[in-house]
Every structure is written in C-alpha cells, then in structure tokens.
Amino acid sequence: CLDSNKGLKNKDSTKVILNASELKKWFGKRAQAGKLEPKNLHS
C-alpha cells in the first residue's frame, strides 16, 4: 500500500522512486495488466 500523493518510495521510505505525477502512468483499475515497471523497481 502507498499514498499516491507522496509517490512510490523505497523499502525504508528514505527515497522517492516515482513522484506523484510520474506514478500516474501506472494507475488503472483492479485486475488490469498494468505497464512495464521502471527498471528493476521490484529490487
């Protein structure tokens, strides 16, 4: 879970990986496929 107004942060919440405006690209509805993640985001 995350606060979309604060963007997507790393595991320790010390760094913003995607800010709120950048995050909009990946917004959709539940059960959709989504879009390719930013490079190595999951790591």
PDB file of all heavy atoms in Angstrom:
ATOM      1  N   CYS A   1       0.835  -1.195   0.000  1.00  0.00           N
ATOM      2  CA  CYS A   1       0.000   0.000   0.000  1.00  0.00           C
ATOM      3  C   CYS A   1       0.873   1.249   0.000  1.00  0.00           C
ATOM      4  O   CYS A   1       2.009   1.225   0.478  1.00  0.00           O
ATOM      5  CB  CYS A   1      -0.903   0.000   1.230  1.00  0.00           C
ATOM      6  SG  CYS A   1      -2.081  -1.370   1.271  1.00  0.00           S
ATOM      7  N   LEU A   2       0.340   2.328  -0.528  1.00  0.00           N
ATOM      8  CA  LEU A   2       1.085   3.575  -0.590  1.00  0.00           C
ATOM      9  C   LEU A   2       0.143   4.763  -0.650  1.00  0.00           C
ATOM     10  O   LEU A   2      -1.047   4.608  -0.956  1.00  0.00           O
ATOM     11  CB  LEU A   2       2.024   3.600  -1.795  1.00  0.00           C
ATOM     12  CG  LEU A   2       1.388   3.747  -3.185  1.00  0.00           C
ATOM     13  CD1 LEU A   2       2.393   4.343  -4.152  1.00  0.00           C
ATOM     14  CD2 LEU A   2       0.890   2.417  -3.718  1.00  0.00           C
ATOM     15  N   ASP A   3       0.694   5.931  -0.372  1.00  0.00           N
ATOM     16  CA  ASP A   3      -0.035   7.186  -0.500  1.00  0.00           C
ATOM     17  C   ASP A   3       0.323   7.766  -1.868  1.00  0.00           C
ATOM     18  O   ASP A   3       1.458   8.194  -2.082  1.00  0.00           O
ATOM     19  CB  ASP A   3       0.365   8.139   0.622  1.00  0.00           C
ATOM     20  CG  ASP A   3      -0.438   9.431   0.620  1.00  0.00           C
ATOM     21  OD1 ASP A   3      -1.007   9.777  -0.429  1.00  0.00           O
ATOM     22  OD2 ASP A   3      -0.478  10.103   1.669  1.00  0.00           O
ATOM     23  N   SER A   4      -0.625   7.769  -2.788  1.00  0.00           N
ATOM     24  CA  SER A   4      -0.340   8.203  -4.162  1.00  0.00           C
ATOM     25  C   SER A   4       0.094   9.669  -4.226  1.00  0.00           C
ATOM     26  O   SER A   4       0.784  10.076  -5.160  1.00  0.00           O
ATOM     27  CB  SER A   4      -1.560   7.978  -5.052  1.00  0.00           C
ATOM     28  OG  SER A   4      -2.670   8.739  -4.596  1.00  0.00           O
ATOM     29  N   ASN A   5      -0.298  10.467  -3.239  1.00  0.00           N
ATOM     30  CA  ASN A   5       0.090  11.878  -3.223  1.00  0.00           C
ATOM     31  C   ASN A   5       1.565  12.072  -2.868  1.00  0.00           C
ATOM     32  O   ASN A   5       2.143  13.120  -3.139  1.00  0.00           O
ATOM     33  CB  ASN A   5      -0.771  12.655  -2.226  1.00  0.00           C
ATOM     34  CG  ASN A   5      -2.227  12.697  -2.644  1.00  0.00           C
ATOM     35  OD1 ASN A   5      -2.534  12.938  -3.810  1.00  0.00           O
ATOM     36  ND2 ASN A   5      -3.121  12.452  -1.704  1.00  0.00           N
ATOM     37  N   LYS A   6       2.158  11.038  -2.263  1.00  0.00           N
ATOM     38  CA  LYS A   6       3.569  11.119  -1.875  1.00  0.00           C
ATOM     39  C   LYS A   6       4.467  10.309  -2.807  1.00  0.00           C
ATOM     40  O   LYS A   6       5.680  10.277  -2.633  1.00  0.00           O
ATOM     41  CB  LYS A   6       3.744  10.638  -0.433  1.00  0.00           C
ATOM     42  CG  LYS A   6       3.033  11.509   0.587  1.00  0.00           C
ATOM     43  CD  LYS A   6       3.240  10.997   2.006  1.00  0.00           C
ATOM     44  CE  LYS A   6       2.546  11.881   3.024  1.00  0.00           C
ATOM     45  NZ  LYS A   6       2.713  11.382   4.412  1.00  0.00           N
ATOM     46  N   GLY A   7       3.852   9.636  -3.785  1.00  0.00           N
ATOM     47  CA  GLY A   7       4.629   8.850  -4.734  1.00  0.00           C
ATOM     48  C   GLY A   7       5.022   7.495  -4.186  1.00  0.00           C
ATOM     49  O   GLY A   7       4.560   7.064  -3.128  1.00  0.00           O
ATOM     50  N   LEU A   8       5.892   6.812  -4.922  1.00  0.00           N
ATOM     51  CA  LEU A   8       6.344   5.474  -4.552  1.00  0.00           C
ATOM     52  C   LEU A   8       7.760   5.563  -4.004  1.00  0.00           C
ATOM     53  O   LEU A   8       8.660   6.077  -4.663  1.00  0.00           O
ATOM     54  CB  LEU A   8       6.291   4.555  -5.781  1.00  0.00           C
ATOM     55  CG  LEU A   8       6.406   3.061  -5.557  1.00  0.00           C
ATOM     56  CD1 LEU A   8       5.762   2.304  -6.717  1.00  0.00           C
ATOM     57  CD2 LEU A   8       7.854   2.623  -5.426  1.00  0.00           C
ATOM     58  N   LYS A   9       7.936   5.053  -2.764  1.00  0.00           N
ATOM     59  CA  LYS A   9       9.229   5.161  -2.090  1.00  0.00           C
ATOM     60  C   LYS A   9       9.916   3.806  -1.995  1.00  0.00           C
ATOM     61  O   LYS A   9       9.291   2.759  -2.206  1.00  0.00           O
ATOM     62  CB  LYS A   9       9.035   5.756  -0.689  1.00  0.00           C
ATOM     63  CG  LYS A   9       8.447   7.162  -0.699  1.00  0.00           C
ATOM     64  CD  LYS A   9       8.330   7.726   0.704  1.00  0.00           C
ATOM     65  CE  LYS A   9       7.765   9.128   0.687  1.00  0.00           C
ATOM     66  NZ  LYS A   9       7.665   9.700   2.056  1.00  0.00           N
ATOM     67  N   ASN A  10      11.196   3.842  -1.639  1.00  0.00           N
ATOM     68  CA  ASN A  10      11.936   2.589  -1.461  1.00  0.00           C
ATOM     69  C   ASN A  10      11.533   1.925  -0.150  1.00  0.00           C
ATOM     70  O   ASN A  10      10.693   2.431   0.594  1.00  0.00           O
ATOM     71  CB  ASN A  10      13.448   2.843  -1.509  1.00  0.00           C
ATOM     72  CG  ASN A  10      13.936   3.726  -0.363  1.00  0.00           C
ATOM     73  OD1 ASN A  10      13.144   4.236   0.428  1.00  0.00           O
ATOM     74  ND2 ASN A  10      15.234   3.910  -0.263  1.00  0.00           N
ATOM     75  N   LYS A  11      12.126   0.766   0.124  1.00  0.00           N
ATOM     76  CA  LYS A  11      11.731  -0.061   1.264  1.00  0.00           C
ATOM     77  C   LYS A  11      11.799   0.691   2.588  1.00  0.00           C
ATOM     78  O   LYS A  11      10.945   0.514   3.455  1.00  0.00           O
ATOM     79  CB  LYS A  11      12.622  -1.308   1.327  1.00  0.00           C
ATOM     80  CG  LYS A  11      12.222  -2.302   2.398  1.00  0.00           C
ATOM     81  CD  LYS A  11      13.167  -3.495   2.417  1.00  0.00           C
ATOM     82  CE  LYS A  11      13.054  -4.303   1.143  1.00  0.00           C
ATOM     83  NZ  LYS A  11      13.879  -5.548   1.207  1.00  0.00           N
ATOM     84  N   ASP A  12      12.794   1.539   2.764  1.00  0.00           N
ATOM     85  CA  ASP A  12      12.970   2.266   4.018  1.00  0.00           C
ATOM     86  C   ASP A  12      12.276   3.626   4.027  1.00  0.00           C
ATOM     87  O   ASP A  12      12.420   4.391   4.991  1.00  0.00           O
ATOM     88  CB  ASP A  12      14.463   2.468   4.301  1.00  0.00           C
ATOM     89  CG  ASP A  12      15.207   1.157   4.423  1.00  0.00           C
ATOM     90  OD1 ASP A  12      14.611   0.202   4.958  1.00  0.00           O
ATOM     91  OD2 ASP A  12      16.366   1.083   3.976  1.00  0.00           O
ATOM     92  N   SER A  13      11.549   3.920   2.943  1.00  0.00           N
ATOM     93  CA  SER A  13      10.845   5.211   2.807  1.00  0.00           C
ATOM     94  C   SER A  13      11.788   6.404   2.903  1.00  0.00           C
ATOM     95  O   SER A  13      11.407   7.492   3.337  1.00  0.00           O
ATOM     96  CB  SER A  13       9.742   5.337   3.875  1.00  0.00           C
ATOM     97  OG  SER A  13       8.754   4.352   3.678  1.00  0.00           O
ATOM     98  N   THR A  14      13.031   6.201   2.501  1.00  0.00           N
ATOM     99  CA  THR A  14      14.031   7.271   2.555  1.00  0.00           C
ATOM    100  C   THR A  14      14.232   7.950   1.202  1.00  0.00           C
ATOM    101  O   THR A  14      14.853   9.009   1.124  1.00  0.00           O
ATOM    102  CB  THR A  14      15.386   6.724   3.041  1.00  0.00           C
ATOM    103  OG1 THR A  14      15.790   5.650   2.169  1.00  0.00           O
ATOM    104  CG2 THR A  14      15.279   6.199   4.465  1.00  0.00           C
ATOM    105  N   LYS A  15      13.705   7.346   0.137  1.00  0.00           N
ATOM    106  CA  LYS A  15      13.924   7.895  -1.195  1.00  0.00           C
ATOM    107  C   LYS A  15      12.679   7.694  -2.061  1.00  0.00           C
ATOM    108  O   LYS A  15      12.079   6.625  -2.061  1.00  0.00           O
ATOM    109  CB  LYS A  15      15.119   7.193  -1.855  1.00  0.00           C
ATOM    110  CG  LYS A  15      15.468   7.712  -3.232  1.00  0.00           C
ATOM    111  CD  LYS A  15      16.667   6.969  -3.795  1.00  0.00           C
ATOM    112  CE  LYS A  15      17.015   7.469  -5.195  1.00  0.00           C
ATOM    113  NZ  LYS A  15      18.165   6.719  -5.772  1.00  0.00           N
ATOM    114  N   VAL A  16      12.290   8.729  -2.790  1.00  0.00           N
ATOM    115  CA  VAL A  16      11.154   8.638  -3.706  1.00  0.00           C
ATOM    116  C   VAL A  16      11.640   8.084  -5.041  1.00  0.00           C
ATOM    117  O   VAL A  16      12.521   8.659  -5.682  1.00  0.00           O
ATOM    118  CB  VAL A  16      10.496  10.016  -3.905  1.00  0.00           C
ATOM    119  CG1 VAL A  16       9.380   9.916  -4.950  1.00  0.00           C
ATOM    120  CG2 VAL A  16       9.939  10.537  -2.591  1.00  0.00           C
ATOM    121  N   ILE A  17      11.081   6.949  -5.459  1.00  0.00           N
ATOM    122  CA  ILE A  17      11.464   6.322  -6.728  1.00  0.00           C
ATOM    123  C   ILE A  17      10.632   6.888  -7.877  1.00  0.00           C
ATOM    124  O   ILE A  17      11.145   7.167  -8.962  1.00  0.00           O
ATOM    125  CB  ILE A  17      11.289   4.796  -6.650  1.00  0.00           C
ATOM    126  CG1 ILE A  17      12.160   4.230  -5.526  1.00  0.00           C
ATOM    127  CG2 ILE A  17      11.659   4.133  -7.972  1.00  0.00           C
ATOM    128  CD1 ILE A  17      11.923   2.765  -5.257  1.00  0.00           C
ATOM    129  N   LEU A  18       9.338   7.061  -7.620  1.00  0.00           N
ATOM    130  CA  LEU A  18       8.430   7.691  -8.589  1.00  0.00           C
ATOM    131  C   LEU A  18       7.632   8.745  -7.841  1.00  0.00           C
ATOM    132  O   LEU A  18       6.965   8.429  -6.846  1.00  0.00           O
ATOM    133  CB  LEU A  18       7.469   6.661  -9.196  1.00  0.00           C
ATOM    134  CG  LEU A  18       8.048   5.548 -10.074  1.00  0.00           C
ATOM    135  CD1 LEU A  18       6.962   4.526 -10.399  1.00  0.00           C
ATOM    136  CD2 LEU A  18       8.622   6.129 -11.359  1.00  0.00           C
ATOM    137  N   ASN A  19       7.686  10.002  -8.277  1.00  0.00           N
ATOM    138  CA  ASN A  19       6.886  11.019  -7.596  1.00  0.00           C
ATOM    139  C   ASN A  19       5.422  10.891  -8.007  1.00  0.00           C
ATOM    140  O   ASN A  19       5.071  10.085  -8.878  1.00  0.00           O
ATOM    141  CB  ASN A  19       7.433  12.421  -7.852  1.00  0.00           C
ATOM    142  CG  ASN A  19       7.388  12.808  -9.326  1.00  0.00           C
ATOM    143  OD1 ASN A  19       6.436  12.498 -10.037  1.00  0.00           O
ATOM    144  ND2 ASN A  19       8.413  13.528  -9.778  1.00  0.00           N
ATOM    145  N   ALA A  20       4.562  11.672  -7.385  1.00  0.00           N
ATOM    146  CA  ALA A  20       3.119  11.538  -7.592  1.00  0.00           C
ATOM    147  C   ALA A  20       2.715  11.692  -9.053  1.00  0.00           C
ATOM    148  O   ALA A  20       1.867  10.941  -9.558  1.00  0.00           O
ATOM    149  CB  ALA A  20       2.384  12.557  -6.730  1.00  0.00           C
ATOM    150  N   SER A  21       3.318  12.619  -9.771  1.00  0.00           N
ATOM    151  CA  SER A  21       2.956  12.835 -11.174  1.00  0.00           C
ATOM    152  C   SER A  21       3.469  11.695 -12.063  1.00  0.00           C
ATOM    153  O   SER A  21       2.786  11.271 -12.998  1.00  0.00           O
ATOM    154  CB  SER A  21       3.500  14.176 -11.669  1.00  0.00           C
ATOM    155  OG  SER A  21       4.911  14.233 -11.547  1.00  0.00           O
ATOM    156  N   GLU A  22       4.664  11.169 -11.764  1.00  0.00           N
ATOM    157  CA  GLU A  22       5.211  10.050 -12.536  1.00  0.00           C
ATOM    158  C   GLU A  22       4.399   8.780 -12.313  1.00  0.00           C
ATOM    159  O   GLU A  22       4.210   7.968 -13.225  1.00  0.00           O
ATOM    160  CB  GLU A  22       6.667   9.800 -12.125  1.00  0.00           C
ATOM    161  CG  GLU A  22       7.629  10.908 -12.530  1.00  0.00           C
ATOM    162  CD  GLU A  22       9.005  10.722 -11.927  1.00  0.00           C
ATOM    163  OE1 GLU A  22       9.098  10.180 -10.801  1.00  0.00           O
ATOM    164  OE2 GLU A  22       9.988  11.134 -12.562  1.00  0.00           O
ATOM    165  N   LEU A  23       3.886   8.615 -11.110  1.00  0.00           N
ATOM    166  CA  LEU A  23       3.148   7.404 -10.739  1.00  0.00           C
ATOM    167  C   LEU A  23       1.845   7.250 -11.521  1.00  0.00           C
ATOM    168  O   LEU A  23       1.361   6.136 -11.731  1.00  0.00           O
ATOM    169  CB  LEU A  23       2.857   7.441  -9.235  1.00  0.00           C
ATOM    170  CG  LEU A  23       2.314   6.169  -8.575  1.00  0.00           C
ATOM    171  CD1 LEU A  23       3.316   5.025  -8.692  1.00  0.00           C
ATOM    172  CD2 LEU A  23       2.001   6.452  -7.102  1.00  0.00           C
ATOM    173  N   LYS A  24       1.298   8.362 -11.989  1.00  0.00           N
ATOM    174  CA  LYS A  24       0.015   8.336 -12.699  1.00  0.00           C
ATOM    175  C   LYS A  24       0.040   7.416 -13.918  1.00  0.00           C
ATOM    176  O   LYS A  24      -0.987   6.867 -14.322  1.00  0.00           O
ATOM    177  CB  LYS A  24      -0.381   9.751 -13.122  1.00  0.00           C
ATOM    178  CG  LYS A  24      -0.756  10.652 -11.957  1.00  0.00           C
ATOM    179  CD  LYS A  24      -1.113  12.055 -12.428  1.00  0.00           C
ATOM    180  CE  LYS A  24      -1.477  12.961 -11.260  1.00  0.00           C
ATOM    181  NZ  LYS A  24      -1.803  14.338 -11.713  1.00  0.00           N
ATOM    182  N   LYS A  25       1.206   7.240 -14.521  1.00  0.00           N
ATOM    183  CA  LYS A  25       1.346   6.374 -15.699  1.00  0.00           C
ATOM    184  C   LYS A  25       0.921   4.948 -15.414  1.00  0.00           C
ATOM    185  O   LYS A  25       0.449   4.230 -16.301  1.00  0.00           O
ATOM    186  CB  LYS A  25       2.802   6.413 -16.180  1.00  0.00           C
ATOM    187  CG  LYS A  25       3.109   5.484 -17.348  1.00  0.00           C
ATOM    188  CD  LYS A  25       4.580   5.561 -17.740  1.00  0.00           C
ATOM    189  CE  LYS A  25       4.916   4.548 -18.834  1.00  0.00           C
ATOM    190  NZ  LYS A  25       6.354   4.605 -19.209  1.00  0.00           N
ATOM    191  N   TRP A  26       1.080   4.501 -14.168  1.00  0.00           N
ATOM    192  CA  TRP A  26       0.799   3.106 -13.813  1.00  0.00           C
ATOM    193  C   TRP A  26      -0.550   2.923 -13.121  1.00  0.00           C
ATOM    194  O   TRP A  26      -0.896   1.830 -12.716  1.00  0.00           O
ATOM    195  CB  TRP A  26       1.929   2.565 -12.924  1.00  0.00           C
ATOM    196  CG  TRP A  26       3.168   2.271 -13.711  1.00  0.00           C
ATOM    197  CD1 TRP A  26       3.487   1.114 -14.366  1.00  0.00           C
ATOM    198  CD2 TRP A  26       4.259   3.161 -13.966  1.00  0.00           C
ATOM    199  NE1 TRP A  26       4.692   1.220 -15.002  1.00  0.00           N
ATOM    200  CE2 TRP A  26       5.208   2.481 -14.776  1.00  0.00           C
ATOM    201  CE3 TRP A  26       4.547   4.480 -13.591  1.00  0.00           C
ATOM    202  CZ2 TRP A  26       6.390   3.050 -15.207  1.00  0.00           C
ATOM    203  CZ3 TRP A  26       5.729   5.062 -14.022  1.00  0.00           C
ATOM    204  CH2 TRP A  26       6.638   4.347 -14.813  1.00  0.00           C
ATOM    205  N   PHE A  27      -1.321   4.012 -13.009  1.00  0.00           N
ATOM    206  CA  PHE A  27      -2.644   3.896 -12.396  1.00  0.00           C
ATOM    207  C   PHE A  27      -3.632   3.233 -13.344  1.00  0.00           C
ATOM    208  O   PHE A  27      -3.599   3.450 -14.558  1.00  0.00           O
ATOM    209  CB  PHE A  27      -3.174   5.278 -11.983  1.00  0.00           C
ATOM    210  CG  PHE A  27      -3.110   5.507 -10.499  1.00  0.00           C
ATOM    211  CD1 PHE A  27      -2.031   6.174  -9.939  1.00  0.00           C
ATOM    212  CD2 PHE A  27      -4.106   5.042  -9.667  1.00  0.00           C
ATOM    213  CE1 PHE A  27      -1.956   6.380  -8.581  1.00  0.00           C
ATOM    214  CE2 PHE A  27      -4.050   5.243  -8.301  1.00  0.00           C
ATOM    215  CZ  PHE A  27      -2.974   5.908  -7.748  1.00  0.00           C
ATOM    216  N   GLY A  28      -4.500   2.404 -12.778  1.00  0.00           N
ATOM    217  CA  GLY A  28      -5.536   1.749 -13.566  1.00  0.00           C
ATOM    218  C   GLY A  28      -6.612   1.214 -12.645  1.00  0.00           C
ATOM    219  O   GLY A  28      -6.798   1.709 -11.534  1.00  0.00           O
ATOM    220  N   LYS A  29      -7.308   0.192 -13.116  1.00  0.00           N
ATOM    221  CA  LYS A  29      -8.340  -0.466 -12.333  1.00  0.00           C
ATOM    222  C   LYS A  29      -7.858  -1.853 -11.913  1.00  0.00           C
ATOM    223  O   LYS A  29      -7.046  -2.473 -12.589  1.00  0.00           O
ATOM    224  CB  LYS A  29      -9.639  -0.595 -13.147  1.00  0.00           C
ATOM    225  CG  LYS A  29     -10.300   0.730 -13.475  1.00  0.00           C
ATOM    226  CD  LYS A  29     -10.841   1.397 -12.215  1.00  0.00           C
ATOM    227  CE  LYS A  29     -11.604   2.665 -12.559  1.00  0.00           C
ATOM    228  NZ  LYS A  29     -12.142   3.315 -11.336  1.00  0.00           N
ATOM    229  N   ARG A  30      -8.397  -2.331 -10.803  1.00  0.00           N
ATOM    230  CA  ARG A  30      -8.062  -3.668 -10.324  1.00  0.00           C
ATOM    231  C   ARG A  30      -8.275  -4.714 -11.428  1.00  0.00           C
ATOM    232  O   ARG A  30      -9.210  -4.618 -12.205  1.00  0.00           O
ATOM    233  CB  ARG A  30      -8.944  -4.015  -9.115  1.00  0.00           C
ATOM    234  CG  ARG A  30      -8.708  -5.416  -8.564  1.00  0.00           C
ATOM    235  CD  ARG A  30      -9.656  -5.730  -7.432  1.00  0.00           C
ATOM    236  NE  ARG A  30     -11.050  -5.819  -7.854  1.00  0.00           N
ATOM    237  CZ  ARG A  30     -11.587  -6.870  -8.457  1.00  0.00           C
ATOM    238  NH1 ARG A  30     -10.830  -7.922  -8.761  1.00  0.00           N
ATOM    239  NH2 ARG A  30     -12.861  -6.866  -8.783  1.00  0.00           N
ATOM    240  N   ALA A  31      -7.364  -5.693 -11.499  1.00  0.00           N
ATOM    241  CA  ALA A  31      -7.429  -6.819 -12.432  1.00  0.00           C
ATOM    242  C   ALA A  31      -6.969  -6.471 -13.848  1.00  0.00           C
ATOM    243  O   ALA A  31      -7.039  -7.311 -14.749  1.00  0.00           O
ATOM    244  CB  ALA A  31      -8.825  -7.442 -12.478  1.00  0.00           C
ATOM    245  N   GLN A  32      -6.482  -5.233 -14.066  1.00  0.00           N
ATOM    246  CA  GLN A  32      -5.856  -4.921 -15.345  1.00  0.00           C
ATOM    247  C   GLN A  32      -4.423  -5.455 -15.366  1.00  0.00           C
ATOM    248  O   GLN A  32      -3.897  -5.899 -14.350  1.00  0.00           O
ATOM    249  CB  GLN A  32      -5.865  -3.406 -15.577  1.00  0.00           C
ATOM    250  CG  GLN A  32      -7.251  -2.835 -15.829  1.00  0.00           C
ATOM    251  CD  GLN A  32      -7.230  -1.339 -16.071  1.00  0.00           C
ATOM    252  OE1 GLN A  32      -6.303  -0.635 -15.663  1.00  0.00           O
ATOM    253  NE2 GLN A  32      -8.269  -0.836 -16.733  1.00  0.00           N
ATOM    254  N   ALA A  33      -3.779  -5.399 -16.524  1.00  0.00           N
ATOM    255  CA  ALA A  33      -2.429  -5.949 -16.664  1.00  0.00           C
ATOM    256  C   ALA A  33      -1.351  -5.003 -16.147  1.00  0.00           C
ATOM    257  O   ALA A  33      -0.295  -5.435 -15.695  1.00  0.00           O
ATOM    258  CB  ALA A  33      -2.148  -6.286 -18.123  1.00  0.00           C
ATOM    259  N   GLY A  34      -1.597  -3.708 -16.227  1.00  0.00           N
ATOM    260  CA  GLY A  34      -0.571  -2.747 -15.834  1.00  0.00           C
ATOM    261  C   GLY A  34       0.418  -2.488 -16.955  1.00  0.00           C
ATOM    262  O   GLY A  34       0.240  -2.954 -18.088  1.00  0.00           O
ATOM    263  N   LYS A  35       1.481  -1.792 -16.643  1.00  0.00           N
ATOM    264  CA  LYS A  35       2.519  -1.463 -17.625  1.00  0.00           C
ATOM    265  C   LYS A  35       3.884  -1.877 -17.084  1.00  0.00           C
ATOM    266  O   LYS A  35       4.063  -2.046 -15.878  1.00  0.00           O
ATOM    267  CB  LYS A  35       2.505   0.034 -17.926  1.00  0.00           C
ATOM    268  CG  LYS A  35       1.198   0.506 -18.564  1.00  0.00           C
ATOM    269  CD  LYS A  35       1.225   2.008 -18.828  1.00  0.00           C
ATOM    270  CE  LYS A  35      -0.092   2.466 -19.451  1.00  0.00           C
ATOM    271  NZ  LYS A  35      -0.096   3.927 -19.698  1.00  0.00           N
ATOM    272  N   LEU A  36       4.841  -2.033 -17.988  1.00  0.00           N
ATOM    273  CA  LEU A  36       6.177  -2.458 -17.586  1.00  0.00           C
ATOM    274  C   LEU A  36       6.696  -1.582 -16.447  1.00  0.00           C
ATOM    275  O   LEU A  36       6.589  -0.356 -16.496  1.00  0.00           O
ATOM    276  CB  LEU A  36       7.146  -2.399 -18.766  1.00  0.00           C
ATOM    277  CG  LEU A  36       6.991  -3.496 -19.830  1.00  0.00           C
ATOM    278  CD1 LEU A  36       7.937  -3.223 -20.995  1.00  0.00           C
ATOM    279  CD2 LEU A  36       7.264  -4.880 -19.233  1.00  0.00           C
ATOM    280  N   GLU A  37       7.244  -2.218 -15.429  1.00  0.00           N
ATOM    281  CA  GLU A  37       7.745  -1.489 -14.272  1.00  0.00           C
ATOM    282  C   GLU A  37       8.979  -0.665 -14.661  1.00  0.00           C
ATOM    283  O   GLU A  37       9.681  -0.992 -15.617  1.00  0.00           O
ATOM    284  CB  GLU A  37       8.122  -2.470 -13.161  1.00  0.00           C
ATOM    285  CG  GLU A  37       9.311  -3.365 -13.509  1.00  0.00           C
ATOM    286  CD  GLU A  37       9.946  -4.032 -12.299  1.00  0.00           C
ATOM    287  OE1 GLU A  37       9.469  -3.834 -11.183  1.00  0.00           O
ATOM    288  OE2 GLU A  37      10.935  -4.744 -12.500  1.00  0.00           O
ATOM    289  N   PRO A  38       9.243   0.398 -13.915  1.00  0.00           N
ATOM    290  CA  PRO A  38      10.517   1.100 -14.095  1.00  0.00           C
ATOM    291  C   PRO A  38      11.659   0.117 -13.848  1.00  0.00           C
ATOM    292  O   PRO A  38      11.511  -0.837 -13.094  1.00  0.00           O
ATOM    293  CB  PRO A  38      10.486   2.189 -13.024  1.00  0.00           C
ATOM    294  CG  PRO A  38       9.024   2.365 -12.708  1.00  0.00           C
ATOM    295  CD  PRO A  38       8.403   1.027 -12.892  1.00  0.00           C
ATOM    296  N   LYS A  39      12.793   0.322 -14.448  1.00  0.00           N
ATOM    297  CA  LYS A  39      13.884  -0.629 -14.423  1.00  0.00           C
ATOM    298  C   LYS A  39      14.219  -1.089 -12.992  1.00  0.00           C
ATOM    299  O   LYS A  39      14.539  -0.284 -12.122  1.00  0.00           O
ATOM    300  CB  LYS A  39      15.124  -0.002 -15.051  1.00  0.00           C
ATOM    301  CG  LYS A  39      16.268  -0.992 -15.238  1.00  0.00           C
ATOM    302  CD  LYS A  39      17.434  -0.362 -15.975  1.00  0.00           C
ATOM    303  CE  LYS A  39      18.574  -1.366 -16.170  1.00  0.00           C
ATOM    304  NZ  LYS A  39      19.715  -0.735 -16.879  1.00  0.00           N
ATOM    305  N   ASN A  40      14.108  -2.413 -12.787  1.00  0.00           N
ATOM    306  CA  ASN A  40      14.471  -3.053 -11.517  1.00  0.00           C
ATOM    307  C   ASN A  40      13.757  -2.460 -10.307  1.00  0.00           C
ATOM    308  O   ASN A  40      14.302  -2.449  -9.197  1.00  0.00           O
ATOM    309  CB  ASN A  40      15.980  -2.987 -11.293  1.00  0.00           C
ATOM    310  CG  ASN A  40      16.748  -3.775 -12.339  1.00  0.00           C
ATOM    311  OD1 ASN A  40      16.308  -4.827 -12.779  1.00  0.00           O
ATOM    312  ND2 ASN A  40      17.902  -3.272 -12.734  1.00  0.00           N
ATOM    313  N   LEU A  41      12.530  -1.999 -10.495  1.00  0.00           N
ATOM    314  CA  LEU A  41      11.790  -1.419  -9.378  1.00  0.00           C
ATOM    315  C   LEU A  41      11.627  -2.404  -8.236  1.00  0.00           C
ATOM    316  O   LEU A  41      11.802  -2.053  -7.069  1.00  0.00           O
ATOM    317  CB  LEU A  41      10.409  -0.948  -9.871  1.00  0.00           C
ATOM    318  CG  LEU A  41       9.450  -0.470  -8.776  1.00  0.00           C
ATOM    319  CD1 LEU A  41       9.956   0.822  -8.167  1.00  0.00           C
ATOM    320  CD2 LEU A  41       8.046  -0.263  -9.348  1.00  0.00           C
ATOM    321  N   HIS A  42      11.270  -3.659  -8.556  1.00  0.00           N
ATOM    322  CA  HIS A  42      10.996  -4.647  -7.507  1.00  0.00           C
ATOM    323  C   HIS A  42      12.186  -4.896  -6.595  1.00  0.00           C
ATOM    324  O   HIS A  42      12.023  -5.250  -5.433  1.00  0.00           O
ATOM    325  CB  HIS A  42      10.538  -5.967  -8.135  1.00  0.00           C
ATOM    326  CG  HIS A  42      11.561  -6.643  -8.981  1.00  0.00           C
ATOM    327  ND1 HIS A  42      11.845  -6.236 -10.271  1.00  0.00           N
ATOM    328  CD2 HIS A  42      12.388  -7.679  -8.722  1.00  0.00           C
ATOM    329  CE1 HIS A  42      12.800  -7.016 -10.772  1.00  0.00           C
ATOM    330  NE2 HIS A  42      13.145  -7.879  -9.856  1.00  0.00           N
ATOM    331  N   SER A  43      13.400  -4.708  -7.116  1.00  0.00           N
ATOM    332  CA  SER A  43      14.579  -4.931  -6.291  1.00  0.00           C
ATOM    333  C   SER A  43      14.851  -3.778  -5.320  1.00  0.00           C
ATOM    334  O   SER A  43      15.623  -3.917  -4.370  1.00  0.00           O
ATOM    335  CB  SER A  43      15.814  -5.138  -7.177  1.00  0.00           C
ATOM    336  OG  SER A  43      16.093  -3.963  -7.920  1.00  0.00           O
TER     337      SER A  43
END
